[in-house]
Amino acid sequence: MDKKIARRVAAEIKASAWKCGFDGPGGNVTFAQASLAYRRAGGDTCFLERLEDHWRDTPIKKISARAIR
C-alpha cells in the first residue's frame, strides 16, 4: 500500500476513534435505527409506529425533553 494512502487511512481511523470517544459509540444513531434495534430485541411496539412516523431520521442526541413536549 502506498504510504500516502496508508496515512490517510490511519487518519480516518484515528478521527473515527476520537469521535466515538466524545459522542459515544451510538453518537449518530437515528430514531429509526434505534427503533429497529428495539423491535429486533422484542420490545413492546404498541405506540412505536406513531413515534417512528414523527421522529424518523432524527438523531437520538437531538431529541430533548423540550422537543418531546
PDB file of N, CA and C in Angstrom:
ATOM      1  N   MET A   1       0.853  -1.183   0.000  1.00  0.00           N
ATOM      2  CA  MET A   1       0.000   0.000   0.000  1.00  0.00           C
ATOM      3  C   MET A   1       0.892   1.237   0.000  1.00  0.00           C
ATOM      4  N   ASP A   2       0.514   2.204  -0.750  1.00  0.00           N
ATOM      5  CA  ASP A   2       1.212   3.480  -0.829  1.00  0.00           C
ATOM      6  C   ASP A   2       1.204   4.149   0.552  1.00  0.00           C
ATOM      7  N   LYS A   3       2.333   4.728   0.961  1.00  0.00           N
ATOM      8  CA  LYS A   3       2.427   5.374   2.279  1.00  0.00           C
ATOM      9  C   LYS A   3       1.436   6.521   2.429  1.00  0.00           C
ATOM     10  N   LYS A   4       1.203   7.248   1.347  1.00  0.00           N
ATOM     11  CA  LYS A   4       0.261   8.369   1.385  1.00  0.00           C
ATOM     12  C   LYS A   4      -1.153   7.868   1.698  1.00  0.00           C
ATOM     13  N   ILE A   5      -1.539   6.789   1.056  1.00  0.00           N
ATOM     14  CA  ILE A   5      -2.859   6.193   1.292  1.00  0.00           C
ATOM     15  C   ILE A   5      -2.933   5.638   2.711  1.00  0.00           C
ATOM     16  N   ALA A   6      -1.865   4.979   3.138  1.00  0.00           N
ATOM     17  CA  ALA A   6      -1.838   4.416   4.491  1.00  0.00           C
ATOM     18  C   ALA A   6      -1.999   5.508   5.543  1.00  0.00           C
ATOM     19  N   ARG A   7      -1.369   6.653   5.317  1.00  0.00           N
ATOM     20  CA  ARG A   7      -1.503   7.774   6.263  1.00  0.00           C
ATOM     21  C   ARG A   7      -2.939   8.288   6.301  1.00  0.00           C
ATOM     22  N   ARG A   8      -3.569   8.366   5.131  1.00  0.00           N
ATOM     23  CA  ARG A   8      -4.960   8.826   5.078  1.00  0.00           C
ATOM     24  C   ARG A   8      -5.887   7.859   5.797  1.00  0.00           C
ATOM     25  N   VAL A   9      -5.682   6.558   5.578  1.00  0.00           N
ATOM     26  CA  VAL A   9      -6.497   5.542   6.248  1.00  0.00           C
ATOM     27  C   VAL A   9      -6.301   5.637   7.753  1.00  0.00           C
ATOM     28  N   ALA A  10      -5.058   5.757   8.179  1.00  0.00           N
ATOM     29  CA  ALA A  10      -4.762   5.866   9.608  1.00  0.00           C
ATOM     30  C   ALA A  10      -5.417   7.113  10.207  1.00  0.00           C
ATOM     31  N   ALA A  11      -5.389   8.220   9.472  1.00  0.00           N
ATOM     32  CA  ALA A  11      -6.012   9.456   9.950  1.00  0.00           C
ATOM     33  C   ALA A  11      -7.521   9.291  10.088  1.00  0.00           C
ATOM     34  N   GLU A  12      -8.153   8.610   9.137  1.00  0.00           N
ATOM     35  CA  GLU A  12      -9.602   8.365   9.209  1.00  0.00           C
ATOM     36  C   GLU A  12      -9.957   7.503  10.417  1.00  0.00           C
ATOM     37  N   ILE A  13      -9.165   6.473  10.650  1.00  0.00           N
ATOM     38  CA  ILE A  13      -9.407   5.587  11.794  1.00  0.00           C
ATOM     39  C   ILE A  13      -9.240   6.359  13.100  1.00  0.00           C
ATOM     40  N   LYS A  14      -8.198   7.169  13.166  1.00  0.00           N
ATOM     41  CA  LYS A  14      -7.946   7.963  14.369  1.00  0.00           C
ATOM     42  C   LYS A  14      -9.088   8.954  14.613  1.00  0.00           C
ATOM     43  N   ALA A  15      -9.529   9.643  13.551  1.00  0.00           N
ATOM     44  CA  ALA A  15     -10.626  10.606  13.684  1.00  0.00           C
ATOM     45  C   ALA A  15     -11.902   9.916  14.140  1.00  0.00           C
ATOM     46  N   SER A  16     -12.160   8.746  13.601  1.00  0.00           N
ATOM     47  CA  SER A  16     -13.348   7.985  13.995  1.00  0.00           C
ATOM     48  C   SER A  16     -13.273   7.577  15.460  1.00  0.00           C
ATOM     49  N   ALA A  17     -12.101   7.154  15.894  1.00  0.00           N
ATOM     50  CA  ALA A  17     -11.925   6.755  17.295  1.00  0.00           C
ATOM     51  C   ALA A  17     -12.125   7.941  18.229  1.00  0.00           C
ATOM     52  N   TRP A  18     -11.611   9.099  17.861  1.00  0.00           N
ATOM     53  CA  TRP A  18     -11.801  10.298  18.680  1.00  0.00           C
ATOM     54  C   TRP A  18     -13.270  10.674  18.750  1.00  0.00           C
ATOM     55  N   LYS A  19     -13.949  10.641  17.615  1.00  0.00           N
ATOM     56  CA  LYS A  19     -15.373  10.986  17.587  1.00  0.00           C
ATOM     57  C   LYS A  19     -16.176  10.042  18.464  1.00  0.00           C
ATOM     58  N   CYS A  20     -15.862   8.775  18.388  1.00  0.00           N
ATOM     59  CA  CYS A  20     -16.550   7.784  19.215  1.00  0.00           C
ATOM     60  C   CYS A  20     -16.314   8.070  20.687  1.00  0.00           C
ATOM     61  N   GLY A  21     -15.107   8.500  21.013  1.00  0.00           N
ATOM     62  CA  GLY A  21     -14.782   8.819  22.398  1.00  0.00           C
ATOM     63  C   GLY A  21     -15.593   9.977  22.938  1.00  0.00           C
ATOM     64  N   PHE A  22     -15.879  10.961  22.099  1.00  0.00           N
ATOM     65  CA  PHE A  22     -16.636  12.124  22.538  1.00  0.00           C
ATOM     66  C   PHE A  22     -18.141  11.911  22.486  1.00  0.00           C
ATOM     67  N   ASP A  23     -18.613  11.268  21.447  1.00  0.00           N
ATOM     68  CA  ASP A  23     -20.051  11.102  21.258  1.00  0.00           C
ATOM     69  C   ASP A  23     -20.576   9.751  21.722  1.00  0.00           C
ATOM     70  N   GLY A  24     -19.688   8.849  22.055  1.00  0.00           N
ATOM     71  CA  GLY A  24     -20.094   7.500  22.411  1.00  0.00           C
ATOM     72  C   GLY A  24     -20.313   6.679  21.159  1.00  0.00           C
ATOM     73  N   PRO A  25     -20.369   5.373  21.296  1.00  0.00           N
ATOM     74  CA  PRO A  25     -20.492   4.523  20.126  1.00  0.00           C
ATOM     75  C   PRO A  25     -21.779   4.752  19.342  1.00  0.00           C
ATOM     76  N   GLY A  26     -22.802   5.240  19.993  1.00  0.00           N
ATOM     77  CA  GLY A  26     -24.063   5.484  19.306  1.00  0.00           C
ATOM     78  C   GLY A  26     -24.339   6.949  19.094  1.00  0.00           C
ATOM     79  N   GLY A  27     -23.311   7.751  19.033  1.00  0.00           N
ATOM     80  CA  GLY A  27     -23.465   9.198  18.940  1.00  0.00           C
ATOM     81  C   GLY A  27     -24.225   9.686  17.737  1.00  0.00           C
ATOM     82  N   ASN A  28     -24.305   8.916  16.691  1.00  0.00           N
ATOM     83  CA  ASN A  28     -25.002   9.345  15.479  1.00  0.00           C
ATOM     84  C   ASN A  28     -26.179   8.443  15.140  1.00  0.00           C
ATOM     85  N   VAL A  29     -26.685   7.733  16.111  1.00  0.00           N
ATOM     86  CA  VAL A  29     -27.809   6.819  15.883  1.00  0.00           C
ATOM     87  C   VAL A  29     -29.092   7.622  15.719  1.00  0.00           C
ATOM     88  N   THR A  30     -29.850   7.280  14.694  1.00  0.00           N
ATOM     89  CA  THR A  30     -31.134   7.950  14.466  1.00  0.00           C
ATOM     90  C   THR A  30     -32.242   7.213  15.210  1.00  0.00           C
ATOM     91  N   PHE A  31     -33.378   7.875  15.328  1.00  0.00           N
ATOM     92  CA  PHE A  31     -34.516   7.237  15.989  1.00  0.00           C
ATOM     93  C   PHE A  31     -34.924   5.985  15.229  1.00  0.00           C
ATOM     94  N   ALA A  32     -34.885   6.042  13.907  1.00  0.00           N
ATOM     95  CA  ALA A  32     -35.261   4.881  13.091  1.00  0.00           C
ATOM     96  C   ALA A  32     -34.347   3.692  13.369  1.00  0.00           C
ATOM     97  N   GLN A  33     -33.041   3.938  13.491  1.00  0.00           N
ATOM     98  CA  GLN A  33     -32.093   2.850  13.781  1.00  0.00           C
ATOM     99  C   GLN A  33     -32.333   2.275  15.164  1.00  0.00           C
ATOM    100  N   ALA A  34     -32.555   3.142  16.135  1.00  0.00           N
ATOM    101  CA  ALA A  34     -32.805   2.685  17.494  1.00  0.00           C
ATOM    102  C   ALA A  34     -34.116   1.912  17.576  1.00  0.00           C
ATOM    103  N   SER A  35     -35.116   2.404  16.852  1.00  0.00           N
ATOM    104  CA  SER A  35     -36.410   1.750  16.830  1.00  0.00           C
ATOM    105  C   SER A  35     -36.313   0.342  16.243  1.00  0.00           C
ATOM    106  N   LEU A  36     -35.567   0.211  15.170  1.00  0.00           N
ATOM    107  CA  LEU A  36     -35.376  -1.095  14.549  1.00  0.00           C
ATOM    108  C   LEU A  36     -34.675  -2.057  15.509  1.00  0.00           C
ATOM    109  N   ALA A  37     -33.656  -1.580  16.190  1.00  0.00           N
ATOM    110  CA  ALA A  37     -32.949  -2.420  17.169  1.00  0.00           C
ATOM    111  C   ALA A  37     -33.897  -2.832  18.296  1.00  0.00           C
ATOM    112  N   TYR A  38     -34.738  -1.906  18.740  1.00  0.00           N
ATOM    113  CA  TYR A  38     -35.716  -2.183  19.797  1.00  0.00           C
ATOM    114  C   TYR A  38     -36.703  -3.258  19.341  1.00  0.00           C
ATOM    115  N   ARG A  39     -37.185  -3.142  18.120  1.00  0.00           N
ATOM    116  CA  ARG A  39     -38.111  -4.142  17.576  1.00  0.00           C
ATOM    117  C   ARG A  39     -37.451  -5.522  17.511  1.00  0.00           C
ATOM    118  N   ARG A  40     -36.216  -5.562  17.005  1.00  0.00           N
ATOM    119  CA  ARG A  40     -35.491  -6.835  16.886  1.00  0.00           C
ATOM    120  C   ARG A  40     -35.245  -7.485  18.238  1.00  0.00           C
ATOM    121  N   ALA A  41     -35.139  -6.658  19.270  1.00  0.00           N
ATOM    122  CA  ALA A  41     -34.909  -7.180  20.624  1.00  0.00           C
ATOM    123  C   ALA A  41     -36.209  -7.636  21.281  1.00  0.00           C
ATOM    124  N   GLY A  42     -37.329  -7.461  20.574  1.00  0.00           N
ATOM    125  CA  GLY A  42     -38.605  -7.930  21.112  1.00  0.00           C
ATOM    126  C   GLY A  42     -39.317  -6.930  21.991  1.00  0.00           C
ATOM    127  N   GLY A  43     -38.983  -5.641  21.867  1.00  0.00           N
ATOM    128  CA  GLY A  43     -39.625  -4.612  22.677  1.00  0.00           C
ATOM    129  C   GLY A  43     -41.091  -4.425  22.317  1.00  0.00           C
ATOM    130  N   ASP A  44     -41.845  -3.871  23.251  1.00  0.00           N
ATOM    131  CA  ASP A  44     -43.276  -3.614  23.052  1.00  0.00           C
ATOM    132  C   ASP A  44     -43.435  -2.513  22.007  1.00  0.00           C
ATOM    133  N   THR A  45     -44.175  -2.792  20.957  1.00  0.00           N
ATOM    134  CA  THR A  45     -44.304  -1.847  19.839  1.00  0.00           C
ATOM    135  C   THR A  45     -45.676  -1.170  19.778  1.00  0.00           C
ATOM    136  N   CYS A  46     -46.408  -1.233  20.857  1.00  0.00           N
ATOM    137  CA  CYS A  46     -47.774  -0.712  20.887  1.00  0.00           C
ATOM    138  C   CYS A  46     -47.879   0.721  20.356  1.00  0.00           C
ATOM    139  N   PHE A  47     -47.029   1.618  20.800  1.00  0.00           N
ATOM    140  CA  PHE A  47     -47.101   3.021  20.393  1.00  0.00           C
ATOM    141  C   PHE A  47     -45.940   3.431  19.491  1.00  0.00           C
ATOM    142  N   LEU A  48     -45.118   2.487  19.140  1.00  0.00           N
ATOM    143  CA  LEU A  48     -43.885   2.794  18.429  1.00  0.00           C
ATOM    144  C   LEU A  48     -44.105   3.345  17.022  1.00  0.00           C
ATOM    145  N   GLU A  49     -45.099   2.869  16.315  1.00  0.00           N
ATOM    146  CA  GLU A  49     -45.308   3.279  14.932  1.00  0.00           C
ATOM    147  C   GLU A  49     -45.529   4.792  14.794  1.00  0.00           C
ATOM    148  N   ARG A  50     -46.325   5.361  15.674  1.00  0.00           N
ATOM    149  CA  ARG A  50     -46.581   6.808  15.623  1.00  0.00           C
ATOM    150  C   ARG A  50     -45.313   7.595  15.920  1.00  0.00           C
ATOM    151  N   LEU A  51     -44.516   7.093  16.859  1.00  0.00           N
ATOM    152  CA  LEU A  51     -43.254   7.759  17.178  1.00  0.00           C
ATOM    153  C   LEU A  51     -42.282   7.676  16.003  1.00  0.00           C
ATOM    154  N   GLU A  52     -42.239   6.525  15.369  1.00  0.00           N
ATOM    155  CA  GLU A  52     -41.374   6.338  14.197  1.00  0.00           C
ATOM    156  C   GLU A  52     -41.773   7.299  13.079  1.00  0.00           C
ATOM    157  N   ASP A  53     -43.064   7.457  12.865  1.00  0.00           N
ATOM    158  CA  ASP A  53     -43.543   8.358  11.822  1.00  0.00           C
ATOM    159  C   ASP A  53     -43.100   9.797  12.089  1.00  0.00           C
ATOM    160  N   HIS A  54     -43.087  10.175  13.344  1.00  0.00           N
ATOM    161  CA  HIS A  54     -42.743  11.556  13.697  1.00  0.00           C
ATOM    162  C   HIS A  54     -41.229  11.804  13.705  1.00  0.00           C
ATOM    163  N   TRP A  55     -40.465  10.950  14.381  1.00  0.00           N
ATOM    164  CA  TRP A  55     -39.036  11.210  14.601  1.00  0.00           C
ATOM    165  C   TRP A  55     -38.128  10.684  13.487  1.00  0.00           C
ATOM    166  N   ARG A  56     -38.552   9.702  12.748  1.00  0.00           N
ATOM    167  CA  ARG A  56     -37.818   9.115  11.616  1.00  0.00           C
ATOM    168  C   ARG A  56     -36.305   9.165  11.728  1.00  0.00           C
ATOM    169  N   ASP A  57     -35.676  10.042  10.952  1.00  0.00           N
ATOM    170  CA  ASP A  57     -34.214  10.085  10.868  1.00  0.00           C
ATOM    171  C   ASP A  57     -33.584  11.134  11.783  1.00  0.00           C
ATOM    172  N   THR A  58     -34.304  11.517  12.818  1.00  0.00           N
ATOM    173  CA  THR A  58     -33.766  12.461  13.792  1.00  0.00           C
ATOM    174  C   THR A  58     -32.712  11.752  14.639  1.00  0.00           C
ATOM    175  N   PRO A  59     -31.527  12.335  14.767  1.00  0.00           N
ATOM    176  CA  PRO A  59     -30.521  11.728  15.651  1.00  0.00           C
ATOM    177  C   PRO A  59     -31.032  11.703  17.091  1.00  0.00           C
ATOM    178  N   ILE A  60     -30.809  10.604  17.771  1.00  0.00           N
ATOM    179  CA  ILE A  60     -31.275  10.452  19.152  1.00  0.00           C
ATOM    180  C   ILE A  60     -30.768  11.588  20.030  1.00  0.00           C
ATOM    181  N   LYS A  61     -29.521  12.007  19.815  1.00  0.00           N
ATOM    182  CA  LYS A  61     -28.946  13.051  20.667  1.00  0.00           C
ATOM    183  C   LYS A  61     -29.645  14.402  20.477  1.00  0.00           C
ATOM    184  N   LYS A  62     -30.443  14.560  19.425  1.00  0.00           N
ATOM    185  CA  LYS A  62     -31.170  15.811  19.183  1.00  0.00           C
ATOM    186  C   LYS A  62     -32.572  15.796  19.783  1.00  0.00           C
ATOM    187  N   ILE A  63     -33.005  14.666  20.317  1.00  0.00           N
ATOM    188  CA  ILE A  63     -34.348  14.550  20.886  1.00  0.00           C
ATOM    189  C   ILE A  63     -34.264  14.907  22.371  1.00  0.00           C
ATOM    190  N   SER A  64     -34.710  16.088  22.698  1.00  0.00           N
ATOM    191  CA  SER A  64     -34.681  16.573  24.087  1.00  0.00           C
ATOM    192  C   SER A  64     -36.069  16.505  24.701  1.00  0.00           C
ATOM    193  N   ALA A  65     -36.148  16.702  25.997  1.00  0.00           N
ATOM    194  CA  ALA A  65     -37.444  16.723  26.670  1.00  0.00           C
ATOM    195  C   ALA A  65     -38.310  17.846  26.092  1.00  0.00           C
ATOM    196  N   ARG A  66     -37.687  18.961  25.794  1.00  0.00           N
ATOM    197  CA  ARG A  66     -38.428  20.092  25.212  1.00  0.00           C
ATOM    198  C   ARG A  66     -38.998  19.720  23.848  1.00  0.00           C
ATOM    199  N   ALA A  67     -38.211  19.044  23.028  1.00  0.00           N
ATOM    200  CA  ALA A  67     -38.679  18.623  21.708  1.00  0.00           C
ATOM    201  C   ALA A  67     -39.834  17.643  21.828  1.00  0.00           C
ATOM    202  N   ILE A  68     -39.787  16.787  22.811  1.00  0.00           N
ATOM    203  CA  ILE A  68     -40.853  15.804  23.015  1.00  0.00           C
ATOM    204  C   ILE A  68     -42.148  16.503  23.421  1.00  0.00           C
ATOM    205  N   ARG A  69     -42.039  17.470  24.303  1.00  0.00           N
ATOM    206  CA  ARG A  69     -43.242  18.215  24.723  1.00  0.00           C
ATOM    207  C   ARG A  69     -43.837  18.953  23.554  1.00  0.00           C
TER     208      ARG A  69
END
